[in-house]
Amino acid sequence: MHPLLNIAVRAARRAGEVIVRSLVRLESLQVATKGRNDFVSEVDHAAEREIMTIIRRSHPDHAFLAEESGRTGESDTLWIVDPLDGTTNFLHGFPVFAVSIACQIRGRLEHAVVYDPMRQELFTASRGSGAHLDNRRMRVSRQRTLEGALVATGFPYRANTRYVDAYLGMLKTVMERAAGIRRPGAAALDLAYVAAGRVDGFWEIGLSPWDTAAGTLLITEAGGRIGTLAGGEYRQGGNVVAGSPRVYVALLAAFASQLPEDLREE
């Protein structure tokens, strides 16, 4: 394992411990509202501090882009961190949430970790070395068509509600063809599940870089594809489609007639 990936794994596991330990006191946690239906708890902040402390202990000069503290530092090496993806799930005791850490060097994603502390599942990837689930090589599914596929998604319920009608059109199109649709509520895990072949495809509108950075590398190293809703190169954050190579193409084709003009230009 690459030394930087090893540090990310240690940081993710430590953050996971902080999160799980806090489950017994959900009703007493301090929770703030960042925006419409967008919450942050003291656990998000505590987990983020643990991650940054562990990384800085070895690399004090590295920069961070973290969900709660924003951009800090200037360096060719940037850590993109979501300390608790799925905060709403966590606050309700719904056991679907994850820690997401990606390491970007000179603008290119090099290492990624998504850690599910409830199941203690560790999804990792390093550029050119493949993607792994608990040290076992993982690959995207072999599903070739949208018919028979299991597809994950996320609902546009925050500031991006202006795309609700377009999203509902996409949802209807997939519902008419796929075997099933799942909405777990943690995009980092959704992307990790695409990489592991547990779901065949995924799409969502209005994500942030820390939601998707680690998952992007997991998917590409697992043989999958990821891009914008219009099929453009994915540059972290915003609107995303991912899947096995064939399902990815099928989703893009299915969405083509549903996209508003501004999403067609991505």
C-alpha atoms as a PDB file:
ATOM      1  CA  MET A   1       0.000   0.000   0.000  1.00  0.00           C
ATOM      2  CA  HIS A   2       1.297   3.451  -0.919  1.00  0.00           C
ATOM      3  CA  PRO A   3       2.342   5.496   2.148  1.00  0.00           C
ATOM      4  CA  LEU A   4      -0.170   8.255   1.372  1.00  0.00           C
ATOM      5  CA  LEU A   5      -2.968   5.721   1.033  1.00  0.00           C
ATOM      6  CA  ASN A   6      -1.912   4.132   4.298  1.00  0.00           C
ATOM      7  CA  ILE A   7      -2.215   7.506   6.037  1.00  0.00           C
ATOM      8  CA  ALA A   8      -5.661   8.029   4.510  1.00  0.00           C
ATOM      9  CA  VAL A   9      -6.781   4.608   5.735  1.00  0.00           C
ATOM     10  CA  ARG A  10      -5.622   5.355   9.274  1.00  0.00           C
ATOM     11  CA  ALA A  11      -7.385   8.712   9.200  1.00  0.00           C
ATOM     12  CA  ALA A  12     -10.617   7.219   7.855  1.00  0.00           C
ATOM     13  CA  ARG A  13     -10.682   4.468  10.468  1.00  0.00           C
ATOM     14  CA  ARG A  14     -10.068   6.964  13.249  1.00  0.00           C
ATOM     15  CA  ALA A  15     -12.873   9.208  11.991  1.00  0.00           C
ATOM     16  CA  GLY A  16     -15.106   6.148  11.812  1.00  0.00           C
ATOM     17  CA  GLU A  17     -14.429   5.427  15.470  1.00  0.00           C
ATOM     18  CA  VAL A  18     -15.454   8.974  16.383  1.00  0.00           C
ATOM     19  CA  ILE A  19     -18.678   8.625  14.399  1.00  0.00           C
ATOM     20  CA  VAL A  20     -19.732   5.228  15.734  1.00  0.00           C
ATOM     21  CA  ARG A  21     -18.934   6.182  19.315  1.00  0.00           C
ATOM     22  CA  SER A  22     -21.286   9.146  18.969  1.00  0.00           C
ATOM     23  CA  LEU A  23     -24.295   7.054  17.956  1.00  0.00           C
ATOM     24  CA  VAL A  24     -25.215   6.432  21.594  1.00  0.00           C
ATOM     25  CA  ARG A  25     -25.822  10.148  22.187  1.00  0.00           C
ATOM     26  CA  LEU A  26     -27.622  11.251  19.030  1.00  0.00           C
ATOM     27  CA  GLU A  27     -30.336  13.128  20.906  1.00  0.00           C
ATOM     28  CA  SER A  28     -27.827  15.320  22.729  1.00  0.00           C
ATOM     29  CA  LEU A  29     -25.592  16.232  19.770  1.00  0.00           C
ATOM     30  CA  GLN A  30     -25.199  19.850  18.753  1.00  0.00           C
ATOM     31  CA  VAL A  31     -26.572  20.280  15.231  1.00  0.00           C
ATOM     32  CA  ALA A  32     -26.472  23.376  13.023  1.00  0.00           C
ATOM     33  CA  THR A  33     -28.177  24.133   9.718  1.00  0.00           C
ATOM     34  CA  LYS A  34     -25.904  25.096   6.804  1.00  0.00           C
ATOM     35  CA  GLY A  35     -28.753  25.542   4.349  1.00  0.00           C
ATOM     36  CA  ARG A  36     -32.153  24.188   3.438  1.00  0.00           C
ATOM     37  CA  ASN A  37     -32.241  20.580   4.711  1.00  0.00           C
ATOM     38  CA  ASP A  38     -28.447  20.656   5.013  1.00  0.00           C
ATOM     39  CA  PHE A  39     -27.185  19.817   8.494  1.00  0.00           C
ATOM     40  CA  VAL A  40     -23.832  19.643  10.243  1.00  0.00           C
ATOM     41  CA  SER A  41     -23.233  18.131  13.662  1.00  0.00           C
ATOM     42  CA  GLU A  42     -20.430  18.349  16.168  1.00  0.00           C
ATOM     43  CA  VAL A  43     -19.499  14.838  15.018  1.00  0.00           C
ATOM     44  CA  ASP A  44     -18.813  16.088  11.474  1.00  0.00           C
ATOM     45  CA  HIS A  45     -16.396  18.636  12.917  1.00  0.00           C
ATOM     46  CA  ALA A  46     -14.767  16.167  15.320  1.00  0.00           C
ATOM     47  CA  ALA A  47     -14.245  13.550  12.604  1.00  0.00           C
ATOM     48  CA  GLU A  48     -12.789  16.159  10.258  1.00  0.00           C
ATOM     49  CA  ARG A  49     -10.345  17.348  12.924  1.00  0.00           C
ATOM     50  CA  GLU A  50      -9.156  13.779  13.501  1.00  0.00           C
ATOM     51  CA  ILE A  51      -8.560  13.249   9.782  1.00  0.00           C
ATOM     52  CA  MET A  52      -6.645  16.479   9.326  1.00  0.00           C
ATOM     53  CA  THR A  53      -4.585  15.936  12.479  1.00  0.00           C
ATOM     54  CA  ILE A  54      -3.459  12.477  11.379  1.00  0.00           C
ATOM     55  CA  ILE A  55      -2.515  13.647   7.893  1.00  0.00           C
ATOM     56  CA  ARG A  56      -0.774  16.803   9.113  1.00  0.00           C
ATOM     57  CA  ARG A  57       1.257  14.781  11.587  1.00  0.00           C
ATOM     58  CA  SER A  58       3.079  13.240   8.602  1.00  0.00           C
ATOM     59  CA  HIS A  59       2.616  16.017   6.041  1.00  0.00           C
ATOM     60  CA  PRO A  60       2.166  19.425   7.695  1.00  0.00           C
ATOM     61  CA  ASP A  61       2.644  21.233   4.384  1.00  0.00           C
ATOM     62  CA  HIS A  62      -0.243  19.550   2.526  1.00  0.00           C
ATOM     63  CA  ALA A  63      -3.430  21.439   1.634  1.00  0.00           C
ATOM     64  CA  PHE A  64      -7.032  20.466   2.369  1.00  0.00           C
ATOM     65  CA  LEU A  65     -10.444  20.901   0.812  1.00  0.00           C
ATOM     66  CA  ALA A  66     -12.785  19.677   3.537  1.00  0.00           C
ATOM     67  CA  GLU A  67     -16.555  19.947   3.771  1.00  0.00           C
ATOM     68  CA  GLU A  68     -16.679  21.727   7.109  1.00  0.00           C
ATOM     69  CA  SER A  69     -13.491  23.831   7.129  1.00  0.00           C
ATOM     70  CA  GLY A  70     -13.210  24.578   3.413  1.00  0.00           C
ATOM     71  CA  ARG A  71      -9.920  25.149   1.614  1.00  0.00           C
ATOM     72  CA  THR A  72      -6.827  25.504   3.791  1.00  0.00           C
ATOM     73  CA  GLY A  73      -3.189  25.706   2.753  1.00  0.00           C
ATOM     74  CA  GLU A  74      -1.455  25.819  -0.623  1.00  0.00           C
ATOM     75  CA  SER A  75       0.353  22.752  -1.930  1.00  0.00           C
ATOM     76  CA  ASP A  76       0.639  20.495  -4.962  1.00  0.00           C
ATOM     77  CA  THR A  77      -0.889  17.822  -2.719  1.00  0.00           C
ATOM     78  CA  LEU A  78      -4.531  18.420  -1.833  1.00  0.00           C
ATOM     79  CA  TRP A  79      -6.618  16.212   0.455  1.00  0.00           C
ATOM     80  CA  ILE A  80     -10.343  16.284  -0.349  1.00  0.00           C
ATOM     81  CA  VAL A  81     -12.297  15.242   2.725  1.00  0.00           C
ATOM     82  CA  ASP A  82     -15.885  14.483   3.650  1.00  0.00           C
ATOM     83  CA  PRO A  83     -15.670  13.414   7.295  1.00  0.00           C
ATOM     84  CA  LEU A  84     -19.266  12.176   7.438  1.00  0.00           C
ATOM     85  CA  ASP A  85     -21.091  11.670   4.166  1.00  0.00           C
ATOM     86  CA  GLY A  86     -24.711  10.998   5.016  1.00  0.00           C
ATOM     87  CA  THR A  87     -25.097  13.302   8.009  1.00  0.00           C
ATOM     88  CA  THR A  88     -28.904  13.227   7.837  1.00  0.00           C
ATOM     89  CA  ASN A  89     -28.844   9.432   7.927  1.00  0.00           C
ATOM     90  CA  PHE A  90     -26.458   9.516  10.880  1.00  0.00           C
ATOM     91  CA  LEU A  91     -28.590  11.972  12.845  1.00  0.00           C
ATOM     92  CA  HIS A  92     -31.587   9.669  12.455  1.00  0.00           C
ATOM     93  CA  GLY A  93     -29.654   6.534  13.370  1.00  0.00           C
ATOM     94  CA  PHE A  94     -30.085   5.253   9.811  1.00  0.00           C
ATOM     95  CA  PRO A  95     -26.923   3.162   9.345  1.00  0.00           C
ATOM     96  CA  VAL A  96     -25.809   4.370   5.910  1.00  0.00           C
ATOM     97  CA  PHE A  97     -22.971   6.889   6.079  1.00  0.00           C
ATOM     98  CA  ALA A  98     -19.259   6.953   5.326  1.00  0.00           C
ATOM     99  CA  VAL A  99     -15.922   8.714   5.574  1.00  0.00           C
ATOM    100  CA  SER A 100     -14.500   9.849   2.226  1.00  0.00           C
ATOM    101  CA  ILE A 101     -10.866  10.903   1.706  1.00  0.00           C
ATOM    102  CA  ALA A 102      -9.092  11.533  -1.594  1.00  0.00           C
ATOM    103  CA  CYS A 103      -5.539  12.674  -2.281  1.00  0.00           C
ATOM    104  CA  GLN A 104      -5.004  14.829  -5.355  1.00  0.00           C
ATOM    105  CA  ILE A 105      -1.482  15.638  -6.557  1.00  0.00           C
ATOM    106  CA  ARG A 106      -0.931  18.408  -9.097  1.00  0.00           C
ATOM    107  CA  GLY A 107      -4.600  18.303 -10.046  1.00  0.00           C
ATOM    108  CA  ARG A 108      -4.868  14.540 -10.518  1.00  0.00           C
ATOM    109  CA  LEU A 109      -6.568  12.102  -8.151  1.00  0.00           C
ATOM    110  CA  GLU A 110      -3.996   9.586  -6.926  1.00  0.00           C
ATOM    111  CA  HIS A 111      -5.389   7.850  -3.830  1.00  0.00           C
ATOM    112  CA  ALA A 112      -8.869   7.281  -2.428  1.00  0.00           C
ATOM    113  CA  VAL A 113     -10.569   5.822   0.632  1.00  0.00           C
ATOM    114  CA  VAL A 114     -14.250   5.371   1.402  1.00  0.00           C
ATOM    115  CA  TYR A 115     -14.851   3.787   4.794  1.00  0.00           C
ATOM    116  CA  ASP A 116     -18.186   2.468   6.050  1.00  0.00           C
ATOM    117  CA  PRO A 117     -17.774   2.421   9.845  1.00  0.00           C
ATOM    118  CA  MET A 118     -21.004   0.516  10.491  1.00  0.00           C
ATOM    119  CA  ARG A 119     -20.010  -2.444   8.319  1.00  0.00           C
ATOM    120  CA  GLN A 120     -16.286  -1.819   8.752  1.00  0.00           C
ATOM    121  CA  GLU A 121     -15.851  -2.031   4.992  1.00  0.00           C
ATOM    122  CA  LEU A 122     -12.851  -0.268   3.494  1.00  0.00           C
ATOM    123  CA  PHE A 123     -12.863   0.733  -0.183  1.00  0.00           C
ATOM    124  CA  THR A 124      -9.466   1.906  -1.458  1.00  0.00           C
ATOM    125  CA  ALA A 125      -7.738   2.802  -4.701  1.00  0.00           C
ATOM    126  CA  SER A 126      -4.420   4.141  -5.945  1.00  0.00           C
ATOM    127  CA  ARG A 127      -3.958   5.288  -9.514  1.00  0.00           C
ATOM    128  CA  GLY A 128      -2.660   2.435 -11.649  1.00  0.00           C
ATOM    129  CA  SER A 129      -2.999  -0.137  -8.850  1.00  0.00           C
ATOM    130  CA  GLY A 130      -6.693  -0.953  -9.094  1.00  0.00           C
ATOM    131  CA  ALA A 131      -9.465  -0.672  -6.531  1.00  0.00           C
ATOM    132  CA  HIS A 132      -9.920  -2.885  -3.494  1.00  0.00           C
ATOM    133  CA  LEU A 133     -12.521  -3.775  -0.896  1.00  0.00           C
ATOM    134  CA  ASP A 134     -10.847  -4.949   2.307  1.00  0.00           C
ATOM    135  CA  ASN A 135      -7.705  -5.909   0.344  1.00  0.00           C
ATOM    136  CA  ARG A 136      -9.648  -7.855  -2.297  1.00  0.00           C
ATOM    137  CA  ARG A 137      -9.578  -6.551  -5.857  1.00  0.00           C
ATOM    138  CA  MET A 138     -12.956  -5.177  -6.919  1.00  0.00           C
ATOM    139  CA  ARG A 139     -14.452  -4.528 -10.338  1.00  0.00           C
ATOM    140  CA  VAL A 140     -17.602  -2.875 -11.606  1.00  0.00           C
ATOM    141  CA  SER A 141     -20.424  -5.174 -12.642  1.00  0.00           C
ATOM    142  CA  ARG A 142     -20.653  -6.877 -16.027  1.00  0.00           C
ATOM    143  CA  GLN A 143     -24.170  -5.548 -16.587  1.00  0.00           C
ATOM    144  CA  ARG A 144     -24.542  -4.500 -20.216  1.00  0.00           C
ATOM    145  CA  THR A 145     -28.008  -2.930 -20.367  1.00  0.00           C
ATOM    146  CA  LEU A 146     -30.242  -0.698 -18.299  1.00  0.00           C
ATOM    147  CA  GLU A 147     -32.837  -3.450 -18.442  1.00  0.00           C
ATOM    148  CA  GLY A 148     -32.104  -5.683 -15.473  1.00  0.00           C
ATOM    149  CA  ALA A 149     -29.774  -3.143 -13.838  1.00  0.00           C
ATOM    150  CA  LEU A 150     -29.826  -2.002 -10.217  1.00  0.00           C
ATOM    151  CA  VAL A 151     -29.270   1.764 -10.167  1.00  0.00           C
ATOM    152  CA  ALA A 152     -28.615   4.104  -7.239  1.00  0.00           C
ATOM    153  CA  THR A 153     -29.472   7.788  -7.129  1.00  0.00           C
ATOM    154  CA  GLY A 154     -29.835  10.809  -4.874  1.00  0.00           C
ATOM    155  CA  PHE A 155     -32.719  13.275  -4.746  1.00  0.00           C
ATOM    156  CA  PRO A 156     -32.246  17.014  -5.529  1.00  0.00           C
ATOM    157  CA  TYR A 157     -33.746  18.352  -2.309  1.00  0.00           C
ATOM    158  CA  ARG A 158     -31.460  21.227  -1.307  1.00  0.00           C
ATOM    159  CA  ALA A 159     -30.520  24.371  -3.226  1.00  0.00           C
ATOM    160  CA  ASN A 160     -30.741  22.505  -6.541  1.00  0.00           C
ATOM    161  CA  THR A 161     -34.533  22.067  -6.410  1.00  0.00           C
ATOM    162  CA  ARG A 162     -34.788  23.963  -9.707  1.00  0.00           C
ATOM    163  CA  TYR A 163     -33.862  20.670 -11.371  1.00  0.00           C
ATOM    164  CA  VAL A 164     -36.612  18.637  -9.693  1.00  0.00           C
ATOM    165  CA  ASP A 165     -38.760  18.388 -12.831  1.00  0.00           C
ATOM    166  CA  ALA A 166     -35.787  17.295 -14.949  1.00  0.00           C
ATOM    167  CA  TYR A 167     -34.774  14.807 -12.274  1.00  0.00           C
ATOM    168  CA  LEU A 168     -38.268  13.319 -12.095  1.00  0.00           C
ATOM    169  CA  GLY A 169     -38.136  12.795 -15.842  1.00  0.00           C
ATOM    170  CA  MET A 170     -34.840  10.933 -15.450  1.00  0.00           C
ATOM    171  CA  LEU A 171     -36.259   8.889 -12.584  1.00  0.00           C
ATOM    172  CA  LYS A 172     -39.307   7.888 -14.623  1.00  0.00           C
ATOM    173  CA  THR A 173     -37.111   6.837 -17.536  1.00  0.00           C
ATOM    174  CA  VAL A 174     -34.943   4.622 -15.328  1.00  0.00           C
ATOM    175  CA  MET A 175     -37.946   3.207 -13.458  1.00  0.00           C
ATOM    176  CA  GLU A 176     -39.467   2.059 -16.729  1.00  0.00           C
ATOM    177  CA  ARG A 177     -36.367   0.074 -17.663  1.00  0.00           C
ATOM    178  CA  ALA A 178     -34.219  -0.879 -14.674  1.00  0.00           C
ATOM    179  CA  ALA A 179     -34.731  -3.826 -12.339  1.00  0.00           C
ATOM    180  CA  GLY A 180     -34.592  -1.541  -9.317  1.00  0.00           C
ATOM    181  CA  ILE A 181     -33.640   1.880  -7.971  1.00  0.00           C
ATOM    182  CA  ARG A 182     -32.023   2.543  -4.610  1.00  0.00           C
ATOM    183  CA  ARG A 183     -31.623   5.842  -2.732  1.00  0.00           C
ATOM    184  CA  PRO A 184     -29.372   5.093   0.285  1.00  0.00           C
ATOM    185  CA  GLY A 185     -28.476   8.724   1.059  1.00  0.00           C
ATOM    186  CA  ALA A 186     -24.664   8.762   0.982  1.00  0.00           C
ATOM    187  CA  ALA A 187     -23.143   9.515  -2.421  1.00  0.00           C
ATOM    188  CA  ALA A 188     -19.642   8.382  -1.434  1.00  0.00           C
ATOM    189  CA  LEU A 189     -21.002   4.922  -0.617  1.00  0.00           C
ATOM    190  CA  ASP A 190     -23.139   4.881  -3.761  1.00  0.00           C
ATOM    191  CA  LEU A 191     -20.016   5.422  -5.852  1.00  0.00           C
ATOM    192  CA  ALA A 192     -18.077   2.827  -3.861  1.00  0.00           C
ATOM    193  CA  TYR A 193     -20.896   0.359  -4.496  1.00  0.00           C
ATOM    194  CA  VAL A 194     -20.672   1.037  -8.230  1.00  0.00           C
ATOM    195  CA  ALA A 195     -16.950   0.278  -8.040  1.00  0.00           C
ATOM    196  CA  ALA A 196     -17.653  -2.941  -6.114  1.00  0.00           C
ATOM    197  CA  GLY A 197     -20.303  -4.087  -8.594  1.00  0.00           C
ATOM    198  CA  ARG A 198     -23.059  -3.936  -5.981  1.00  0.00           C
ATOM    199  CA  VAL A 199     -25.019  -1.482  -8.092  1.00  0.00           C
ATOM    200  CA  ASP A 200     -24.675  -1.140 -11.840  1.00  0.00           C
ATOM    201  CA  GLY A 201     -25.055   2.615 -12.145  1.00  0.00           C
ATOM    202  CA  PHE A 202     -25.606   5.879 -10.296  1.00  0.00           C
ATOM    203  CA  TRP A 203     -26.681   9.432 -10.999  1.00  0.00           C
ATOM    204  CA  GLU A 204     -27.226  12.558  -8.920  1.00  0.00           C
ATOM    205  CA  ILE A 205     -27.572  16.323  -9.321  1.00  0.00           C
ATOM    206  CA  GLY A 206     -25.819  18.963  -7.223  1.00  0.00           C
ATOM    207  CA  LEU A 207     -22.968  17.158  -5.497  1.00  0.00           C
ATOM    208  CA  SER A 208     -19.787  18.712  -4.074  1.00  0.00           C
ATOM    209  CA  PRO A 209     -16.142  17.718  -4.678  1.00  0.00           C
ATOM    210  CA  TRP A 210     -15.825  16.055  -1.261  1.00  0.00           C
ATOM    211  CA  ASP A 211     -18.866  13.884  -2.055  1.00  0.00           C
ATOM    212  CA  THR A 212     -17.336  12.406  -5.178  1.00  0.00           C
ATOM    213  CA  ALA A 213     -13.532  12.737  -5.270  1.00  0.00           C
ATOM    214  CA  ALA A 214     -12.724   9.381  -3.668  1.00  0.00           C
ATOM    215  CA  GLY A 215     -15.546   7.590  -5.459  1.00  0.00           C
ATOM    216  CA  THR A 216     -14.369   8.880  -8.821  1.00  0.00           C
ATOM    217  CA  LEU A 217     -10.992   7.167  -8.481  1.00  0.00           C
ATOM    218  CA  LEU A 218     -12.563   3.996  -7.053  1.00  0.00           C
ATOM    219  CA  ILE A 219     -14.790   3.676 -10.110  1.00  0.00           C
ATOM    220  CA  THR A 220     -12.163   4.367 -12.745  1.00  0.00           C
ATOM    221  CA  GLU A 221      -9.674   2.007 -11.092  1.00  0.00           C
ATOM    222  CA  ALA A 222     -12.422  -0.646 -10.922  1.00  0.00           C
ATOM    223  CA  GLY A 223     -12.992  -0.411 -14.668  1.00  0.00           C
ATOM    224  CA  GLY A 224     -16.059   1.814 -14.617  1.00  0.00           C
ATOM    225  CA  ARG A 225     -16.873   5.170 -16.140  1.00  0.00           C
ATOM    226  CA  ILE A 226     -17.950   8.457 -14.608  1.00  0.00           C
ATOM    227  CA  GLY A 227     -18.945  11.727 -16.253  1.00  0.00           C
ATOM    228  CA  THR A 228     -21.396  14.607 -16.295  1.00  0.00           C
ATOM    229  CA  LEU A 229     -25.065  14.171 -17.176  1.00  0.00           C
ATOM    230  CA  ALA A 230     -24.206  15.313 -20.684  1.00  0.00           C
ATOM    231  CA  GLY A 231     -21.328  12.849 -20.989  1.00  0.00           C
ATOM    232  CA  GLY A 232     -18.554  15.368 -20.421  1.00  0.00           C
ATOM    233  CA  GLU A 233     -15.392  14.775 -18.437  1.00  0.00           C
ATOM    234  CA  TYR A 234     -16.159  14.688 -14.745  1.00  0.00           C
ATOM    235  CA  ARG A 235     -14.186  17.267 -12.762  1.00  0.00           C
ATOM    236  CA  GLN A 236     -15.496  16.584  -9.247  1.00  0.00           C
ATOM    237  CA  GLY A 237     -18.679  18.037  -7.878  1.00  0.00           C
ATOM    238  CA  GLY A 238     -21.842  19.035  -9.651  1.00  0.00           C
ATOM    239  CA  ASN A 239     -23.878  16.540 -11.621  1.00  0.00           C
ATOM    240  CA  VAL A 240     -22.705  12.986 -12.126  1.00  0.00           C
ATOM    241  CA  VAL A 241     -23.454   9.738 -13.940  1.00  0.00           C
ATOM    242  CA  ALA A 242     -21.415   6.601 -13.228  1.00  0.00           C
ATOM    243  CA  GLY A 243     -21.584   2.902 -13.873  1.00  0.00           C
ATOM    244  CA  SER A 244     -20.212  -0.114 -15.619  1.00  0.00           C
ATOM    245  CA  PRO A 245     -19.108   0.948 -19.122  1.00  0.00           C
ATOM    246  CA  ARG A 246     -22.304  -0.210 -20.854  1.00  0.00           C
ATOM    247  CA  VAL A 247     -24.716   0.985 -18.163  1.00  0.00           C
ATOM    248  CA  TYR A 248     -22.982   4.375 -18.088  1.00  0.00           C
ATOM    249  CA  VAL A 249     -23.621   4.808 -21.811  1.00  0.00           C
ATOM    250  CA  ALA A 250     -27.198   3.564 -21.423  1.00  0.00           C
ATOM    251  CA  LEU A 251     -27.902   6.088 -18.663  1.00  0.00           C
ATOM    252  CA  LEU A 252     -26.533   8.953 -20.756  1.00  0.00           C
ATOM    253  CA  ALA A 253     -28.748   7.918 -23.661  1.00  0.00           C
ATOM    254  CA  ALA A 254     -31.767   7.630 -21.389  1.00  0.00           C
ATOM    255  CA  PHE A 255     -31.197  11.094 -19.922  1.00  0.00           C
ATOM    256  CA  ALA A 256     -30.446  12.921 -23.176  1.00  0.00           C
ATOM    257  CA  SER A 257     -34.029  14.051 -23.786  1.00  0.00           C
ATOM    258  CA  GLN A 258     -34.579  15.041 -20.140  1.00  0.00           C
ATOM    259  CA  LEU A 259     -31.737  17.522 -19.672  1.00  0.00           C
ATOM    260  CA  PRO A 260     -32.479  21.250 -19.435  1.00  0.00           C
ATOM    261  CA  GLU A 261     -30.304  23.445 -21.623  1.00  0.00           C
ATOM    262  CA  ASP A 262     -27.788  24.432 -18.950  1.00  0.00           C
ATOM    263  CA  LEU A 263     -27.093  20.778 -18.074  1.00  0.00           C
ATOM    264  CA  ARG A 264     -26.562  19.918 -21.747  1.00  0.00           C
ATOM    265  CA  GLU A 265     -23.633  22.336 -21.819  1.00  0.00           C
ATOM    266  CA  GLU A 266     -21.599  20.629 -19.062  1.00  0.00           C
END
